[in-house]
Amino acid sequence: MSTSSSSAAEKNSFLTLLRKTFVGFLILLLFFIFFYLGHRENNVYILKTLELRGSVNEGDLLFKMNCVGCHGITARGLVGPDLHSITERLNDKEIIKQVIEGKTPPHA
């Protein structure tokens, strides 16, 4: 028994749609995997950073080397914002993420 040309065309278009859906699903899956792995890696870094027990002197030195140019020696802001009230807007994890991702201006 042979199939009619219209049912063969319907079957062919269904298979084409199925293939496109499958390819789209694979692309979304790959995007999700890359996003998740990148985000997870970042979270691990943030958690390890929060575990550190630094010193005021080391923090002062790091600030002077990396931050003074934008935030000023008193952290009141130049090109970058005033940092004195930053903990009222952002928690520790958000501050670390802001620093390592270099978002300008900060997204609270």
N, C-alpha and C. Protein backbone atom coordinates (compact mmCIF):
# COMPACT_ATOMS: atom_id res chain seq x y z
N MET A 1 0.84 -1.16 0.00
CA MET A 1 0.00 0.00 0.00
C MET A 1 0.90 1.24 0.00
N SER A 2 0.62 2.19 -0.85
CA SER A 2 1.44 3.40 -0.94
C SER A 2 0.72 4.54 -0.23
N THR A 3 1.54 5.48 0.29
CA THR A 3 0.95 6.63 0.95
C THR A 3 0.74 7.74 -0.06
N SER A 4 -0.22 8.57 0.22
CA SER A 4 -0.48 9.68 -0.70
C SER A 4 0.61 10.73 -0.53
N SER A 5 0.76 11.59 -1.52
CA SER A 5 1.81 12.59 -1.47
C SER A 5 1.55 13.61 -0.36
N SER A 6 0.29 13.90 -0.04
CA SER A 6 0.01 14.87 1.03
C SER A 6 0.37 14.30 2.39
N SER A 7 0.10 13.02 2.63
CA SER A 7 0.48 12.45 3.93
C SER A 7 1.99 12.31 4.03
N ALA A 8 2.67 12.05 2.94
CA ALA A 8 4.13 11.98 2.95
C ALA A 8 4.71 13.36 3.23
N ALA A 9 4.11 14.40 2.66
CA ALA A 9 4.57 15.78 2.89
C ALA A 9 4.33 16.17 4.34
N GLU A 10 3.18 15.76 4.90
CA GLU A 10 2.90 16.05 6.30
C GLU A 10 3.91 15.36 7.20
N LYS A 11 4.21 14.12 6.89
CA LYS A 11 5.19 13.38 7.69
C LYS A 11 6.56 14.03 7.59
N ASN A 12 6.93 14.47 6.39
CA ASN A 12 8.22 15.12 6.17
C ASN A 12 8.30 16.45 6.93
N SER A 13 7.22 17.24 6.90
CA SER A 13 7.23 18.52 7.62
C SER A 13 7.24 18.28 9.13
N PHE A 14 6.56 17.23 9.58
CA PHE A 14 6.59 16.89 11.00
C PHE A 14 8.01 16.52 11.43
N LEU A 15 8.70 15.71 10.62
CA LEU A 15 10.08 15.33 10.94
C LEU A 15 11.00 16.54 10.92
N THR A 16 10.79 17.46 9.99
CA THR A 16 11.59 18.69 9.93
C THR A 16 11.36 19.52 11.19
N LEU A 17 10.11 19.65 11.59
CA LEU A 17 9.79 20.39 12.81
C LEU A 17 10.40 19.72 14.02
N LEU A 18 10.34 18.39 14.07
CA LEU A 18 10.92 17.64 15.17
C LEU A 18 12.43 17.86 15.24
N ARG A 19 13.09 17.84 14.09
CA ARG A 19 14.55 18.07 14.05
C ARG A 19 14.88 19.47 14.54
N LYS A 20 14.13 20.48 14.06
CA LYS A 20 14.39 21.86 14.48
C LYS A 20 14.17 22.03 15.98
N THR A 21 13.15 21.40 16.50
CA THR A 21 12.88 21.46 17.93
C THR A 21 14.01 20.81 18.71
N PHE A 22 14.48 19.68 18.24
CA PHE A 22 15.57 18.97 18.90
C PHE A 22 16.85 19.81 18.88
N VAL A 23 17.17 20.41 17.74
CA VAL A 23 18.36 21.27 17.63
C VAL A 23 18.22 22.47 18.57
N GLY A 24 17.06 23.09 18.59
CA GLY A 24 16.83 24.21 19.50
C GLY A 24 16.99 23.80 20.95
N PHE A 25 16.47 22.64 21.28
CA PHE A 25 16.62 22.13 22.64
C PHE A 25 18.09 21.91 22.98
N LEU A 26 18.85 21.35 22.06
CA LEU A 26 20.29 21.13 22.30
C LEU A 26 21.03 22.45 22.50
N ILE A 27 20.69 23.45 21.71
CA ILE A 27 21.33 24.76 21.86
C ILE A 27 21.01 25.35 23.22
N LEU A 28 19.75 25.28 23.63
CA LEU A 28 19.37 25.79 24.95
C LEU A 28 20.06 25.01 26.07
N LEU A 29 20.17 23.70 25.90
CA LEU A 29 20.84 22.88 26.89
C LEU A 29 22.32 23.25 27.02
N LEU A 30 22.98 23.44 25.90
CA LEU A 30 24.39 23.84 25.93
C LEU A 30 24.56 25.21 26.58
N PHE A 31 23.68 26.15 26.24
CA PHE A 31 23.73 27.47 26.86
C PHE A 31 23.55 27.37 28.36
N PHE A 32 22.58 26.58 28.80
CA PHE A 32 22.34 26.41 30.23
C PHE A 32 23.55 25.79 30.92
N ILE A 33 24.16 24.78 30.30
CA ILE A 33 25.32 24.12 30.89
C ILE A 33 26.47 25.11 31.05
N PHE A 34 26.77 25.88 30.00
CA PHE A 34 27.86 26.85 30.09
C PHE A 34 27.55 27.92 31.13
N PHE A 35 26.33 28.40 31.16
CA PHE A 35 25.94 29.42 32.13
C PHE A 35 26.05 28.86 33.55
N TYR A 36 25.54 27.66 33.76
CA TYR A 36 25.56 27.05 35.08
C TYR A 36 26.99 26.81 35.55
N LEU A 37 27.82 26.26 34.69
CA LEU A 37 29.20 25.98 35.09
C LEU A 37 29.96 27.27 35.38
N GLY A 38 29.75 28.28 34.56
CA GLY A 38 30.42 29.56 34.79
C GLY A 38 29.94 30.20 36.09
N HIS A 39 28.66 30.13 36.34
CA HIS A 39 28.09 30.71 37.55
C HIS A 39 28.54 29.94 38.79
N ARG A 40 28.56 28.62 38.66
CA ARG A 40 28.98 27.77 39.78
C ARG A 40 30.43 28.04 40.15
N GLU A 41 31.28 28.18 39.14
CA GLU A 41 32.68 28.48 39.37
C GLU A 41 32.82 29.79 40.12
N ASN A 42 32.03 30.77 39.72
CA ASN A 42 32.05 32.07 40.35
C ASN A 42 31.60 31.96 41.81
N ASN A 43 30.56 31.17 42.06
CA ASN A 43 30.09 30.99 43.43
C ASN A 43 31.15 30.34 44.30
N VAL A 44 31.88 29.37 43.76
CA VAL A 44 32.95 28.72 44.52
C VAL A 44 34.00 29.76 44.89
N TYR A 45 34.36 30.62 43.95
CA TYR A 45 35.35 31.66 44.23
C TYR A 45 34.85 32.61 45.32
N ILE A 46 33.59 33.00 45.22
CA ILE A 46 33.02 33.90 46.22
C ILE A 46 33.02 33.24 47.59
N LEU A 47 32.61 31.99 47.66
CA LEU A 47 32.58 31.29 48.95
C LEU A 47 33.98 31.15 49.53
N LYS A 48 34.97 30.83 48.71
CA LYS A 48 36.35 30.73 49.19
C LYS A 48 36.86 32.09 49.65
N THR A 49 36.47 33.13 48.96
CA THR A 49 36.88 34.48 49.35
C THR A 49 36.28 34.85 50.70
N LEU A 50 35.03 34.48 50.92
CA LEU A 50 34.39 34.79 52.20
C LEU A 50 35.03 34.03 53.37
N GLU A 51 35.67 32.89 53.08
CA GLU A 51 36.32 32.11 54.13
C GLU A 51 37.65 32.71 54.56
N LEU A 52 38.22 33.59 53.75
CA LEU A 52 39.53 34.17 54.06
C LEU A 52 39.47 35.06 55.30
N ARG A 53 40.52 35.02 56.05
CA ARG A 53 40.65 35.91 57.20
C ARG A 53 41.83 36.83 56.92
N GLY A 54 41.52 37.97 56.33
CA GLY A 54 42.57 38.92 55.96
C GLY A 54 42.90 39.85 57.11
N SER A 55 43.79 40.77 56.82
CA SER A 55 44.15 41.76 57.82
C SER A 55 43.84 43.15 57.29
N VAL A 56 43.69 44.09 58.18
CA VAL A 56 43.42 45.46 57.80
C VAL A 56 44.58 46.01 56.98
N ASN A 57 45.81 45.70 57.39
CA ASN A 57 46.98 46.20 56.67
C ASN A 57 47.03 45.66 55.24
N GLU A 58 46.78 44.35 55.06
CA GLU A 58 46.78 43.77 53.71
C GLU A 58 45.65 44.34 52.87
N GLY A 59 44.47 44.50 53.47
CA GLY A 59 43.34 45.08 52.76
C GLY A 59 43.61 46.52 52.34
N ASP A 60 44.25 47.28 53.23
CA ASP A 60 44.61 48.66 52.93
C ASP A 60 45.58 48.72 51.75
N LEU A 61 46.55 47.82 51.75
CA LEU A 61 47.53 47.77 50.66
C LEU A 61 46.85 47.41 49.34
N LEU A 62 45.97 46.41 49.37
CA LEU A 62 45.24 46.02 48.15
C LEU A 62 44.37 47.17 47.64
N PHE A 63 43.71 47.86 48.55
CA PHE A 63 42.86 48.99 48.16
C PHE A 63 43.71 50.08 47.50
N LYS A 64 44.85 50.38 48.10
CA LYS A 64 45.72 51.42 47.54
C LYS A 64 46.26 51.03 46.18
N MET A 65 46.54 49.75 45.97
CA MET A 65 47.08 49.30 44.68
C MET A 65 46.00 49.25 43.60
N ASN A 66 44.80 48.86 43.95
CA ASN A 66 43.79 48.55 42.93
C ASN A 66 42.59 49.48 42.86
N CYS A 67 42.29 50.20 43.92
CA CYS A 67 41.00 50.89 43.99
C CYS A 67 41.09 52.41 44.08
N VAL A 68 42.20 52.91 44.63
CA VAL A 68 42.33 54.35 44.88
C VAL A 68 42.14 55.18 43.62
N GLY A 69 42.59 54.68 42.48
CA GLY A 69 42.50 55.43 41.24
C GLY A 69 41.08 55.86 40.90
N CYS A 70 40.11 55.05 41.23
CA CYS A 70 38.70 55.37 40.92
C CYS A 70 37.91 55.85 42.14
N HIS A 71 38.21 55.29 43.30
CA HIS A 71 37.40 55.58 44.49
C HIS A 71 38.05 56.62 45.41
N GLY A 72 39.30 56.98 45.15
CA GLY A 72 39.99 57.97 45.96
C GLY A 72 40.59 57.35 47.21
N ILE A 73 41.58 58.03 47.78
CA ILE A 73 42.32 57.51 48.94
C ILE A 73 41.42 57.36 50.16
N THR A 74 40.36 58.15 50.25
CA THR A 74 39.43 58.04 51.38
C THR A 74 38.18 57.24 51.02
N ALA A 75 38.14 56.68 49.82
CA ALA A 75 37.01 55.88 49.32
C ALA A 75 35.72 56.68 49.23
N ARG A 76 35.85 57.99 49.08
CA ARG A 76 34.67 58.86 48.95
C ARG A 76 34.23 59.01 47.50
N GLY A 77 34.99 58.44 46.60
CA GLY A 77 34.58 58.46 45.20
C GLY A 77 35.29 59.51 44.38
N LEU A 78 35.71 59.12 43.23
CA LEU A 78 36.22 60.03 42.20
C LEU A 78 35.46 59.66 40.93
N VAL A 79 36.07 58.79 40.13
CA VAL A 79 35.39 58.23 38.98
C VAL A 79 34.41 57.15 39.46
N GLY A 80 34.86 56.36 40.41
CA GLY A 80 34.02 55.33 41.02
C GLY A 80 33.20 55.91 42.16
N PRO A 81 32.20 55.18 42.62
CA PRO A 81 31.30 55.71 43.66
C PRO A 81 31.93 55.73 45.05
N ASP A 82 31.31 56.48 45.93
CA ASP A 82 31.66 56.50 47.35
C ASP A 82 31.38 55.11 47.92
N LEU A 83 32.34 54.54 48.61
CA LEU A 83 32.19 53.19 49.13
C LEU A 83 31.76 53.12 50.59
N HIS A 84 31.59 54.25 51.24
CA HIS A 84 31.28 54.23 52.66
C HIS A 84 29.93 53.63 53.01
N SER A 85 28.95 53.73 52.15
CA SER A 85 27.63 53.16 52.46
C SER A 85 27.33 51.92 51.63
N ILE A 86 28.36 51.34 51.04
CA ILE A 86 28.15 50.21 50.12
C ILE A 86 27.51 49.01 50.84
N THR A 87 27.85 48.78 52.10
CA THR A 87 27.29 47.63 52.81
C THR A 87 25.82 47.81 53.15
N GLU A 88 25.31 49.02 53.02
CA GLU A 88 23.87 49.24 53.21
C GLU A 88 23.09 48.81 51.97
N ARG A 89 23.76 48.79 50.81
CA ARG A 89 23.10 48.43 49.55
C ARG A 89 23.40 47.01 49.12
N LEU A 90 24.62 46.52 49.40
CA LEU A 90 25.05 45.21 48.92
C LEU A 90 25.53 44.35 50.08
N ASN A 91 25.25 43.04 50.01
CA ASN A 91 25.80 42.14 51.02
C ASN A 91 27.22 41.72 50.59
N ASP A 92 27.90 40.95 51.42
CA ASP A 92 29.30 40.58 51.14
C ASP A 92 29.45 39.85 49.81
N LYS A 93 28.56 38.90 49.52
CA LYS A 93 28.63 38.16 48.26
C LYS A 93 28.47 39.09 47.07
N GLU A 94 27.54 40.03 47.17
CA GLU A 94 27.31 40.97 46.07
C GLU A 94 28.49 41.89 45.86
N ILE A 95 29.14 42.29 46.95
CA ILE A 95 30.32 43.15 46.85
C ILE A 95 31.46 42.40 46.16
N ILE A 96 31.69 41.15 46.55
CA ILE A 96 32.75 40.35 45.93
C ILE A 96 32.46 40.17 44.45
N LYS A 97 31.21 39.86 44.13
CA LYS A 97 30.83 39.67 42.72
C LYS A 97 31.04 40.97 41.94
N GLN A 98 30.67 42.09 42.53
CA GLN A 98 30.87 43.40 41.90
C GLN A 98 32.35 43.63 41.59
N VAL A 99 33.21 43.33 42.54
CA VAL A 99 34.64 43.56 42.36
C VAL A 99 35.23 42.63 41.31
N ILE A 100 34.91 41.34 41.38
CA ILE A 100 35.55 40.41 40.45
C ILE A 100 34.99 40.51 39.04
N GLU A 101 33.75 40.96 38.89
CA GLU A 101 33.17 41.10 37.56
C GLU A 101 33.36 42.50 36.99
N GLY A 102 33.74 43.44 37.85
CA GLY A 102 34.02 44.80 37.39
C GLY A 102 32.83 45.51 36.79
N LYS A 103 31.65 45.26 37.33
CA LYS A 103 30.46 45.92 36.79
C LYS A 103 30.51 47.41 37.14
N THR A 104 30.29 48.24 36.13
CA THR A 104 30.30 49.67 36.32
C THR A 104 29.09 50.26 35.62
N PRO A 105 28.22 50.95 36.28
CA PRO A 105 28.13 51.14 37.73
C PRO A 105 27.57 49.88 38.39
N PRO A 106 27.70 49.80 39.71
CA PRO A 106 27.22 48.60 40.39
C PRO A 106 25.72 48.43 40.21
N HIS A 107 25.32 47.18 40.07
CA HIS A 107 23.90 46.84 39.96
C HIS A 107 23.45 46.27 41.28
N ALA A 108 22.68 47.03 42.03
CA ALA A 108 22.24 46.56 43.34
C ALA A 108 20.94 45.82 43.25
